Amino acid sequence: MILKTLSSKRKNKIIVGNPTYHGALNTFKTNCKIYPVEMEEDGFNLTQLEKILSEEKITFIYATMDFSCPTGVSWSEEKKQKLILLAKKYNTLIVEDDFASELSFYNTPRTSIKSLDSDNKTVIYIKSFSKIIMPGLRLAYMIAPTELISKIVTVKFTTDISTSALDQKVLANFLKGNFLKLHIENLIKIYRERYLVLTEKLKEIPFLDVVYNIDGGFYVWIKLNDTIDSSQFYLKCKENNILLLSGNVFFLDNQKNQYFRVRFATTDIPEIIDGIDRLKVIQR
């Protein structure tokens, strides 16, 4: 919907993290020129970002502030402040994709970059319920600059006419009944326990490293030793019923690399322990 709203005669030019969410990347590839910026442990490399902004007329910057896919990285407050200042300086938009900010293991307060957009002119905030309630609930909402709202409403109507009224009613009752708060508290407890077990078990494997320590969400970004062929490793994992997502899908060039994403949202602790024990013997 955002791409349709902002479409022009020329291809939109957008900036994404490198790596970034493969679903968004695949959507953008169809009609955008994409400029990747290296992800660091606290957000984008801002030197690279400003260089691109100063040289190109960028339509928008796509970013997830908290527990981003695939790295699990969260932006620092300092970089959030700098990002919105850069966007305003170079007159571009930010698309903030928030799918999991509630899932903080230690209830650390999270600041959306939309909350820093004091004049409501810079940030398009998109929020999905699929990751914090259930994947089959395909409902989301958007908070957009006032000048874009009428265009977005028109695009929404021409895209699907309307969203399921039944799904909306179910979600409304779920929210009014205060079930969401209890559900998220339960998710955080489960995910925190799984994360701690997973990262502790991964320490037993000498040929890979956890790239970032995270404090929420449900993704772990790992890197194989450079001496290991990642394609063969992936196939061996698959043969042993260990499903990891190859890191190449999260990069613009889609090139083979040593990274993998481990997701623990649907894997309980006994399965995690069993999977890591089988993973340990793959390279023997």
C-alpha atoms as a PDB file:
ATOM      1  CA  MET A   1       0.000   0.000   0.000  1.00  0.00           C
ATOM      2  CA  ILE A   2       2.841   2.398   0.822  1.00  0.00           C
ATOM      3  CA  LEU A   3       4.594   1.653  -2.461  1.00  0.00           C
ATOM      4  CA  LYS A   4       1.384   2.274  -4.397  1.00  0.00           C
ATOM      5  CA  THR A   5       0.777   5.510  -2.496  1.00  0.00           C
ATOM      6  CA  LEU A   6       4.273   6.843  -3.138  1.00  0.00           C
ATOM      7  CA  SER A   7       4.609   5.522  -6.687  1.00  0.00           C
ATOM      8  CA  SER A   8       6.014   7.841  -9.327  1.00  0.00           C
ATOM      9  CA  LYS A   9       7.018   7.694 -12.983  1.00  0.00           C
ATOM     10  CA  ARG A  10      10.536   6.781 -11.914  1.00  0.00           C
ATOM     11  CA  LYS A  11      11.411   3.913  -9.601  1.00  0.00           C
ATOM     12  CA  ASN A  12      11.228   4.724  -5.913  1.00  0.00           C
ATOM     13  CA  LYS A  13      14.640   4.862  -4.299  1.00  0.00           C
ATOM     14  CA  ILE A  14      14.680   3.317  -0.842  1.00  0.00           C
ATOM     15  CA  ILE A  15      17.174   2.459   1.874  1.00  0.00           C
ATOM     16  CA  VAL A  16      17.123  -0.805   3.831  1.00  0.00           C
ATOM     17  CA  GLY A  17      19.341  -2.459   6.394  1.00  0.00           C
ATOM     18  CA  ASN A  18      21.838  -5.041   5.219  1.00  0.00           C
ATOM     19  CA  PRO A  19      20.581  -7.615   6.192  1.00  0.00           C
ATOM     20  CA  THR A  20      16.851  -6.925   6.387  1.00  0.00           C
ATOM     21  CA  TYR A  21      13.473  -8.726   6.435  1.00  0.00           C
ATOM     22  CA  HIS A  22      13.300 -10.857   3.281  1.00  0.00           C
ATOM     23  CA  GLY A  23       9.533 -10.383   2.849  1.00  0.00           C
ATOM     24  CA  ALA A  24       9.928  -6.617   2.589  1.00  0.00           C
ATOM     25  CA  LEU A  25      13.027  -6.973   0.428  1.00  0.00           C
ATOM     26  CA  ASN A  26      11.185  -9.154  -2.083  1.00  0.00           C
ATOM     27  CA  THR A  27       8.321  -6.642  -2.230  1.00  0.00           C
ATOM     28  CA  PHE A  28      10.661  -3.702  -2.784  1.00  0.00           C
ATOM     29  CA  LYS A  29      12.645  -5.465  -5.503  1.00  0.00           C
ATOM     30  CA  THR A  30       9.697  -5.352  -7.912  1.00  0.00           C
ATOM     31  CA  ASN A  31       9.679  -1.590  -8.474  1.00  0.00           C
ATOM     32  CA  CYS A  32      12.324   0.103  -6.329  1.00  0.00           C
ATOM     33  CA  LYS A  33      15.992   0.895  -6.544  1.00  0.00           C
ATOM     34  CA  ILE A  34      17.375  -0.335  -3.231  1.00  0.00           C
ATOM     35  CA  TYR A  35      20.354   1.023  -1.337  1.00  0.00           C
ATOM     36  CA  PRO A  36      21.560  -1.249   1.490  1.00  0.00           C
ATOM     37  CA  VAL A  37      23.152   0.139   4.671  1.00  0.00           C
ATOM     38  CA  GLU A  38      25.163  -2.061   7.010  1.00  0.00           C
ATOM     39  CA  MET A  39      23.417  -3.124  10.207  1.00  0.00           C
ATOM     40  CA  GLU A  40      25.382  -2.687  13.426  1.00  0.00           C
ATOM     41  CA  GLU A  41      24.555  -3.860  16.928  1.00  0.00           C
ATOM     42  CA  ASP A  42      22.574  -0.650  17.633  1.00  0.00           C
ATOM     43  CA  GLY A  43      21.051   0.117  14.223  1.00  0.00           C
ATOM     44  CA  PHE A  44      22.208   1.378  10.824  1.00  0.00           C
ATOM     45  CA  ASN A  45      25.705   2.596  10.097  1.00  0.00           C
ATOM     46  CA  LEU A  46      24.721   6.272  10.020  1.00  0.00           C
ATOM     47  CA  THR A  47      27.812   7.400   8.111  1.00  0.00           C
ATOM     48  CA  GLN A  48      26.831   5.151   5.204  1.00  0.00           C
ATOM     49  CA  LEU A  49      23.217   6.259   5.543  1.00  0.00           C
ATOM     50  CA  GLU A  50      23.963   9.973   5.309  1.00  0.00           C
ATOM     51  CA  LYS A  51      26.274   9.469   2.333  1.00  0.00           C
ATOM     52  CA  ILE A  52      23.427   7.857   0.388  1.00  0.00           C
ATOM     53  CA  LEU A  53      20.922  10.496   1.516  1.00  0.00           C
ATOM     54  CA  SER A  54      23.257  13.273   0.394  1.00  0.00           C
ATOM     55  CA  GLU A  55      23.778  11.736  -3.054  1.00  0.00           C
ATOM     56  CA  GLU A  56      20.336  10.342  -3.917  1.00  0.00           C
ATOM     57  CA  LYS A  57      16.738  11.521  -3.669  1.00  0.00           C
ATOM     58  CA  ILE A  58      15.443   8.769  -1.372  1.00  0.00           C
ATOM     59  CA  THR A  59      11.704   8.068  -1.173  1.00  0.00           C
ATOM     60  CA  PHE A  60      11.850   6.351   2.195  1.00  0.00           C
ATOM     61  CA  ILE A  61      14.030   4.487   4.684  1.00  0.00           C
ATOM     62  CA  TYR A  62      12.681   1.090   5.782  1.00  0.00           C
ATOM     63  CA  ALA A  63      13.653   0.009   9.304  1.00  0.00           C
ATOM     64  CA  THR A  64      12.553  -2.008  12.323  1.00  0.00           C
ATOM     65  CA  MET A  65      13.520  -0.346  15.585  1.00  0.00           C
ATOM     66  CA  ASP A  66      13.166  -3.345  17.901  1.00  0.00           C
ATOM     67  CA  PHE A  67      14.205  -7.009  17.539  1.00  0.00           C
ATOM     68  CA  SER A  68      14.593  -6.703  13.794  1.00  0.00           C
ATOM     69  CA  CYS A  69      14.473  -9.624  11.396  1.00  0.00           C
ATOM     70  CA  PRO A  70      16.823 -11.446  10.948  1.00  0.00           C
ATOM     71  CA  THR A  71      19.412 -10.168  13.447  1.00  0.00           C
ATOM     72  CA  GLY A  72      17.279  -9.478  16.535  1.00  0.00           C
ATOM     73  CA  VAL A  73      19.044  -6.103  16.826  1.00  0.00           C
ATOM     74  CA  SER A  74      17.360  -3.085  18.444  1.00  0.00           C
ATOM     75  CA  TRP A  75      18.243   0.513  17.708  1.00  0.00           C
ATOM     76  CA  SER A  76      19.823   2.657  20.411  1.00  0.00           C
ATOM     77  CA  GLU A  77      17.922   5.745  21.516  1.00  0.00           C
ATOM     78  CA  GLU A  78      20.793   7.886  20.243  1.00  0.00           C
ATOM     79  CA  LYS A  79      20.586   6.431  16.740  1.00  0.00           C
ATOM     80  CA  LYS A  80      16.808   6.798  16.663  1.00  0.00           C
ATOM     81  CA  GLN A  81      17.183  10.504  17.375  1.00  0.00           C
ATOM     82  CA  LYS A  82      19.863  10.858  14.701  1.00  0.00           C
ATOM     83  CA  LEU A  83      17.835   8.885  12.149  1.00  0.00           C
ATOM     84  CA  ILE A  84      14.801  11.136  12.343  1.00  0.00           C
ATOM     85  CA  LEU A  85      16.991  14.239  12.176  1.00  0.00           C
ATOM     86  CA  LEU A  86      18.646  12.892   9.020  1.00  0.00           C
ATOM     87  CA  ALA A  87      15.280  12.060   7.463  1.00  0.00           C
ATOM     88  CA  LYS A  88      14.026  15.589   8.099  1.00  0.00           C
ATOM     89  CA  LYS A  89      17.286  17.129   6.889  1.00  0.00           C
ATOM     90  CA  TYR A  90      17.127  15.309   3.560  1.00  0.00           C
ATOM     91  CA  ASN A  91      13.325  15.469   3.258  1.00  0.00           C
ATOM     92  CA  THR A  92      12.647  11.761   3.113  1.00  0.00           C
ATOM     93  CA  LEU A  93      10.228   9.424   4.884  1.00  0.00           C
ATOM     94  CA  ILE A  94      10.863   6.596   7.336  1.00  0.00           C
ATOM     95  CA  VAL A  95       8.740   3.445   7.234  1.00  0.00           C
ATOM     96  CA  GLU A  96       8.881   1.986  10.733  1.00  0.00           C
ATOM     97  CA  ASP A  97       7.906  -1.697  10.719  1.00  0.00           C
ATOM     98  CA  ASP A  98       6.949  -2.696  14.259  1.00  0.00           C
ATOM     99  CA  PHE A  99       6.100  -6.370  14.584  1.00  0.00           C
ATOM    100  CA  ALA A 100       7.514  -7.283  17.996  1.00  0.00           C
ATOM    101  CA  SER A 101       8.393  -4.256  20.150  1.00  0.00           C
ATOM    102  CA  GLU A 102       6.246  -5.592  23.013  1.00  0.00           C
ATOM    103  CA  LEU A 103       8.365  -8.739  23.312  1.00  0.00           C
ATOM    104  CA  SER A 104      11.097  -7.321  25.545  1.00  0.00           C
ATOM    105  CA  PHE A 105      12.512 -10.044  27.809  1.00  0.00           C
ATOM    106  CA  TYR A 106      13.175  -7.598  30.648  1.00  0.00           C
ATOM    107  CA  ASN A 107      10.337  -5.089  30.122  1.00  0.00           C
ATOM    108  CA  THR A 108      12.783  -2.467  28.919  1.00  0.00           C
ATOM    109  CA  PRO A 109      10.817   0.598  27.726  1.00  0.00           C
ATOM    110  CA  ARG A 110      10.877   0.838  23.927  1.00  0.00           C
ATOM    111  CA  THR A 111      10.577   4.134  22.056  1.00  0.00           C
ATOM    112  CA  SER A 112       9.072   4.029  18.589  1.00  0.00           C
ATOM    113  CA  ILE A 113      10.635   6.437  16.151  1.00  0.00           C
ATOM    114  CA  LYS A 114       7.089   7.540  15.309  1.00  0.00           C
ATOM    115  CA  SER A 115       6.808   8.992  18.818  1.00  0.00           C
ATOM    116  CA  LEU A 116       9.762  11.259  17.922  1.00  0.00           C
ATOM    117  CA  ASP A 117       7.989  12.545  14.807  1.00  0.00           C
ATOM    118  CA  SER A 118       6.575  15.599  16.577  1.00  0.00           C
ATOM    119  CA  ASP A 119       5.095  17.284  13.501  1.00  0.00           C
ATOM    120  CA  ASN A 120       3.755  14.015  12.006  1.00  0.00           C
ATOM    121  CA  LYS A 121       5.469  14.579   8.659  1.00  0.00           C
ATOM    122  CA  THR A 122       8.291  12.043   8.520  1.00  0.00           C
ATOM    123  CA  VAL A 123       7.356   8.576   9.820  1.00  0.00           C
ATOM    124  CA  ILE A 124       4.875   6.003   8.498  1.00  0.00           C
ATOM    125  CA  TYR A 125       4.369   3.546  11.360  1.00  0.00           C
ATOM    126  CA  ILE A 126       3.064   0.083  10.495  1.00  0.00           C
ATOM    127  CA  LYS A 127       2.057  -2.396  13.195  1.00  0.00           C
ATOM    128  CA  SER A 128       1.124  -6.033  12.679  1.00  0.00           C
ATOM    129  CA  PHE A 129      -0.699  -8.288  15.134  1.00  0.00           C
ATOM    130  CA  SER A 130       0.427 -11.522  13.469  1.00  0.00           C
ATOM    131  CA  LYS A 131       3.613 -11.984  15.506  1.00  0.00           C
ATOM    132  CA  ILE A 132       2.239 -10.971  18.908  1.00  0.00           C
ATOM    133  CA  ILE A 133      -1.111 -12.796  18.713  1.00  0.00           C
ATOM    134  CA  MET A 134      -1.126 -15.397  15.935  1.00  0.00           C
ATOM    135  CA  PRO A 135       0.254 -15.643  12.385  1.00  0.00           C
ATOM    136  CA  GLY A 136      -3.164 -16.368  10.850  1.00  0.00           C
ATOM    137  CA  LEU A 137      -4.560 -13.051  12.086  1.00  0.00           C
ATOM    138  CA  ARG A 138      -3.685 -10.887   9.094  1.00  0.00           C
ATOM    139  CA  LEU A 139      -4.586  -7.547  10.644  1.00  0.00           C
ATOM    140  CA  ALA A 140      -2.462  -4.469  11.013  1.00  0.00           C
ATOM    141  CA  TYR A 141      -2.743  -0.731  11.349  1.00  0.00           C
ATOM    142  CA  MET A 142      -0.829   2.299  10.112  1.00  0.00           C
ATOM    143  CA  ILE A 143      -0.135   5.754  11.525  1.00  0.00           C
ATOM    144  CA  ALA A 144       0.819   8.043   8.653  1.00  0.00           C
ATOM    145  CA  PRO A 145       1.526  11.730   8.042  1.00  0.00           C
ATOM    146  CA  THR A 146      -1.739  13.615   7.625  1.00  0.00           C
ATOM    147  CA  GLU A 147      -1.029  14.602   4.021  1.00  0.00           C
ATOM    148  CA  LEU A 148      -0.768  10.922   2.992  1.00  0.00           C
ATOM    149  CA  ILE A 149      -3.849   9.531   4.705  1.00  0.00           C
ATOM    150  CA  SER A 150      -6.439  10.210   1.989  1.00  0.00           C
ATOM    151  CA  LYS A 151      -4.160   8.651  -0.651  1.00  0.00           C
ATOM    152  CA  ILE A 152      -3.519   5.597   1.526  1.00  0.00           C
ATOM    153  CA  VAL A 153      -7.245   5.136   2.182  1.00  0.00           C
ATOM    154  CA  THR A 154      -7.898   5.171  -1.572  1.00  0.00           C
ATOM    155  CA  VAL A 155      -5.120   2.645  -2.194  1.00  0.00           C
ATOM    156  CA  LYS A 156      -6.472   0.417   0.583  1.00  0.00           C
ATOM    157  CA  PHE A 157      -9.925   0.379  -0.973  1.00  0.00           C
ATOM    158  CA  THR A 158      -8.647  -0.389  -4.473  1.00  0.00           C
ATOM    159  CA  THR A 159      -6.382  -3.133  -3.108  1.00  0.00           C
ATOM    160  CA  ASP A 160      -8.919  -5.292  -1.258  1.00  0.00           C
ATOM    161  CA  ILE A 161     -12.148  -3.232  -0.876  1.00  0.00           C
ATOM    162  CA  SER A 162     -12.361  -4.128   2.825  1.00  0.00           C
ATOM    163  CA  THR A 163     -10.754  -6.177   5.592  1.00  0.00           C
ATOM    164  CA  SER A 164     -12.617  -9.093   7.160  1.00  0.00           C
ATOM    165  CA  ALA A 165     -15.189  -7.672   9.589  1.00  0.00           C
ATOM    166  CA  LEU A 166     -15.210 -10.952  11.517  1.00  0.00           C
ATOM    167  CA  ASP A 167     -11.453 -10.823  12.128  1.00  0.00           C
ATOM    168  CA  GLN A 168     -11.713  -7.201  13.205  1.00  0.00           C
ATOM    169  CA  LYS A 169     -14.529  -7.987  15.648  1.00  0.00           C
ATOM    170  CA  VAL A 170     -12.589 -10.886  17.172  1.00  0.00           C
ATOM    171  CA  LEU A 171      -9.509  -8.691  17.596  1.00  0.00           C
ATOM    172  CA  ALA A 172     -11.571  -5.845  19.076  1.00  0.00           C
ATOM    173  CA  ASN A 173     -13.033  -8.163  21.724  1.00  0.00           C
ATOM    174  CA  PHE A 174      -9.572  -9.590  22.438  1.00  0.00           C
ATOM    175  CA  LEU A 175      -8.209  -6.088  23.060  1.00  0.00           C
ATOM    176  CA  LYS A 176     -11.208  -4.845  25.066  1.00  0.00           C
ATOM    177  CA  GLY A 177     -11.039  -7.906  27.305  1.00  0.00           C
ATOM    178  CA  ASN A 178      -7.427  -7.086  28.264  1.00  0.00           C
ATOM    179  CA  PHE A 179      -6.324 -10.467  26.916  1.00  0.00           C
ATOM    180  CA  LEU A 180      -3.455  -8.979  24.919  1.00  0.00           C
ATOM    181  CA  LYS A 181      -1.531  -7.844  28.007  1.00  0.00           C
ATOM    182  CA  LEU A 182      -1.795 -11.293  29.625  1.00  0.00           C
ATOM    183  CA  HIS A 183      -0.922 -13.015  26.352  1.00  0.00           C
ATOM    184  CA  ILE A 184       2.219 -10.908  25.840  1.00  0.00           C
ATOM    185  CA  GLU A 185       3.352 -11.470  29.425  1.00  0.00           C
ATOM    186  CA  ASN A 186       3.093 -15.210  28.791  1.00  0.00           C
ATOM    187  CA  LEU A 187       4.929 -14.951  25.466  1.00  0.00           C
ATOM    188  CA  ILE A 188       7.777 -12.993  27.028  1.00  0.00           C
ATOM    189  CA  LYS A 189       8.232 -15.611  29.745  1.00  0.00           C
ATOM    190  CA  ILE A 190       8.264 -18.440  27.191  1.00  0.00           C
ATOM    191  CA  TYR A 191      10.565 -16.678  24.701  1.00  0.00           C
ATOM    192  CA  ARG A 192      13.028 -15.541  27.365  1.00  0.00           C
ATOM    193  CA  GLU A 193      13.405 -19.099  28.679  1.00  0.00           C
ATOM    194  CA  ARG A 194      13.857 -20.477  25.166  1.00  0.00           C
ATOM    195  CA  TYR A 195      16.393 -17.809  24.258  1.00  0.00           C
ATOM    196  CA  LEU A 196      18.512 -18.435  27.344  1.00  0.00           C
ATOM    197  CA  VAL A 197      18.526 -22.204  26.759  1.00  0.00           C
ATOM    198  CA  LEU A 198      19.239 -21.783  23.040  1.00  0.00           C
ATOM    199  CA  THR A 199      22.175 -19.397  23.448  1.00  0.00           C
ATOM    200  CA  GLU A 200      23.672 -21.454  26.281  1.00  0.00           C
ATOM    201  CA  LYS A 201      23.462 -24.625  24.185  1.00  0.00           C
ATOM    202  CA  LEU A 202      24.924 -22.870  21.140  1.00  0.00           C
ATOM    203  CA  LYS A 203      28.064 -22.150  23.170  1.00  0.00           C
ATOM    204  CA  GLU A 204      28.748 -25.899  23.037  1.00  0.00           C
ATOM    205  CA  ILE A 205      29.231 -25.731  19.257  1.00  0.00           C
ATOM    206  CA  PRO A 206      32.774 -24.610  18.359  1.00  0.00           C
ATOM    207  CA  PHE A 207      32.143 -23.967  14.674  1.00  0.00           C
ATOM    208  CA  LEU A 208      29.535 -21.193  15.018  1.00  0.00           C
ATOM    209  CA  ASP A 209      28.965 -17.961  16.940  1.00  0.00           C
ATOM    210  CA  VAL A 210      25.932 -15.972  18.016  1.00  0.00           C
ATOM    211  CA  VAL A 211      26.490 -12.592  16.355  1.00  0.00           C
ATOM    212  CA  TYR A 212      24.369 -10.395  18.646  1.00  0.00           C
ATOM    213  CA  ASN A 213      23.059 -10.660  22.172  1.00  0.00           C
ATOM    214  CA  ILE A 214      19.402  -9.671  22.070  1.00  0.00           C
ATOM    215  CA  ASP A 215      16.939  -8.689  24.775  1.00  0.00           C
ATOM    216  CA  GLY A 216      13.663  -9.552  23.094  1.00  0.00           C
ATOM    217  CA  GLY A 217      11.883 -10.990  20.085  1.00  0.00           C
ATOM    218  CA  PHE A 218      12.419 -14.509  18.744  1.00  0.00           C
ATOM    219  CA  TYR A 219      15.335 -14.444  16.294  1.00  0.00           C
ATOM    220  CA  VAL A 220      18.995 -15.347  16.791  1.00  0.00           C
ATOM    221  CA  TRP A 221      21.567 -14.509  14.106  1.00  0.00           C
ATOM    222  CA  ILE A 222      24.438 -16.989  13.916  1.00  0.00           C
ATOM    223  CA  LYS A 223      27.601 -17.174  11.845  1.00  0.00           C
ATOM    224  CA  LEU A 224      29.452 -20.310  10.753  1.00  0.00           C
ATOM    225  CA  ASN A 225      33.194 -20.692  10.882  1.00  0.00           C
ATOM    226  CA  ASP A 226      34.649 -19.557   7.533  1.00  0.00           C
ATOM    227  CA  THR A 227      36.177 -23.000   6.953  1.00  0.00           C
ATOM    228  CA  ILE A 228      32.726 -24.592   6.649  1.00  0.00           C
ATOM    229  CA  ASP A 229      30.768 -24.702   3.401  1.00  0.00           C
ATOM    230  CA  SER A 230      27.449 -23.097   4.351  1.00  0.00           C
ATOM    231  CA  SER A 231      25.512 -24.789   1.524  1.00  0.00           C
ATOM    232  CA  GLN A 232      26.633 -28.255   2.616  1.00  0.00           C
ATOM    233  CA  PHE A 233      25.965 -27.342   6.237  1.00  0.00           C
ATOM    234  CA  TYR A 234      22.415 -26.314   5.373  1.00  0.00           C
ATOM    235  CA  LEU A 235      21.775 -29.584   3.525  1.00  0.00           C
ATOM    236  CA  LYS A 236      23.162 -31.640   6.422  1.00  0.00           C
ATOM    237  CA  CYS A 237      20.923 -29.752   8.839  1.00  0.00           C
ATOM    238  CA  LYS A 238      17.903 -30.401   6.649  1.00  0.00           C
ATOM    239  CA  GLU A 239      18.754 -34.109   6.456  1.00  0.00           C
ATOM    240  CA  ASN A 240      18.785 -34.167  10.263  1.00  0.00           C
ATOM    241  CA  ASN A 241      15.433 -32.322  10.541  1.00  0.00           C
ATOM    242  CA  ILE A 242      17.071 -29.113  11.748  1.00  0.00           C
ATOM    243  CA  LEU A 243      15.508 -26.164   9.943  1.00  0.00           C
ATOM    244  CA  LEU A 244      17.603 -23.004   9.767  1.00  0.00           C
ATOM    245  CA  LEU A 245      16.983 -20.144   7.345  1.00  0.00           C
ATOM    246  CA  SER A 246      19.984 -19.353   5.183  1.00  0.00           C
ATOM    247  CA  GLY A 247      21.246 -15.807   5.622  1.00  0.00           C
ATOM    248  CA  ASN A 248      21.560 -15.081   1.904  1.00  0.00           C
ATOM    249  CA  VAL A 249      17.814 -14.335   1.566  1.00  0.00           C
ATOM    250  CA  PHE A 250      18.182 -11.331   3.872  1.00  0.00           C
ATOM    251  CA  PHE A 251      20.801  -9.571   1.748  1.00  0.00           C
ATOM    252  CA  LEU A 252      20.127  -7.553  -1.390  1.00  0.00           C
ATOM    253  CA  ASP A 253      22.730  -9.400  -3.473  1.00  0.00           C
ATOM    254  CA  ASN A 254      21.380 -12.788  -2.294  1.00  0.00           C
ATOM    255  CA  GLN A 255      24.941 -14.096  -2.283  1.00  0.00           C
ATOM    256  CA  LYS A 256      26.054 -17.160  -0.366  1.00  0.00           C
ATOM    257  CA  ASN A 257      27.399 -16.282   3.099  1.00  0.00           C
ATOM    258  CA  GLN A 258      28.073 -17.837   6.491  1.00  0.00           C
ATOM    259  CA  TYR A 259      24.992 -16.491   8.270  1.00  0.00           C
ATOM    260  CA  PHE A 260      21.831 -18.262   9.386  1.00  0.00           C
ATOM    261  CA  ARG A 261      18.697 -17.152  11.218  1.00  0.00           C
ATOM    262  CA  VAL A 262      17.469 -19.302  14.097  1.00  0.00           C
ATOM    263  CA  ARG A 263      13.834 -18.786  15.076  1.00  0.00           C
ATOM    264  CA  PHE A 264      12.545 -20.104  18.417  1.00  0.00           C
ATOM    265  CA  ALA A 265       8.931 -18.866  18.403  1.00  0.00           C
ATOM    266  CA  THR A 266       7.463 -22.322  17.710  1.00  0.00           C
ATOM    267  CA  THR A 267      10.165 -24.588  19.162  1.00  0.00           C
ATOM    268  CA  ASP A 268       9.902 -25.662  22.787  1.00  0.00           C
ATOM    269  CA  ILE A 269      12.889 -26.237  25.093  1.00  0.00           C
ATOM    270  CA  PRO A 270      13.176 -30.042  24.704  1.00  0.00           C
ATOM    271  CA  GLU A 271      13.171 -29.584  20.914  1.00  0.00           C
ATOM    272  CA  ILE A 272      15.824 -26.858  21.185  1.00  0.00           C
ATOM    273  CA  ILE A 273      18.077 -29.103  23.285  1.00  0.00           C
ATOM    274  CA  ASP A 274      17.561 -32.055  20.947  1.00  0.00           C
ATOM    275  CA  GLY A 275      18.206 -29.912  17.876  1.00  0.00           C
ATOM    276  CA  ILE A 276      21.437 -28.442  19.222  1.00  0.00           C
ATOM    277  CA  ASP A 277      22.678 -31.880  20.301  1.00  0.00           C
ATOM    278  CA  ARG A 278      22.133 -33.120  16.742  1.00  0.00           C
ATOM    279  CA  LEU A 279      23.708 -29.955  15.348  1.00  0.00           C
ATOM    280  CA  LYS A 280      26.891 -30.596  17.348  1.00  0.00           C
ATOM    281  CA  VAL A 281      27.651 -33.838  15.550  1.00  0.00           C
ATOM    282  CA  ILE A 282      26.931 -32.644  11.987  1.00  0.00           C
ATOM    283  CA  GLN A 283      30.523 -31.560  11.336  1.00  0.00           C
ATOM    284  CA  ARG A 284      32.148 -34.636  12.873  1.00  0.00           C
END
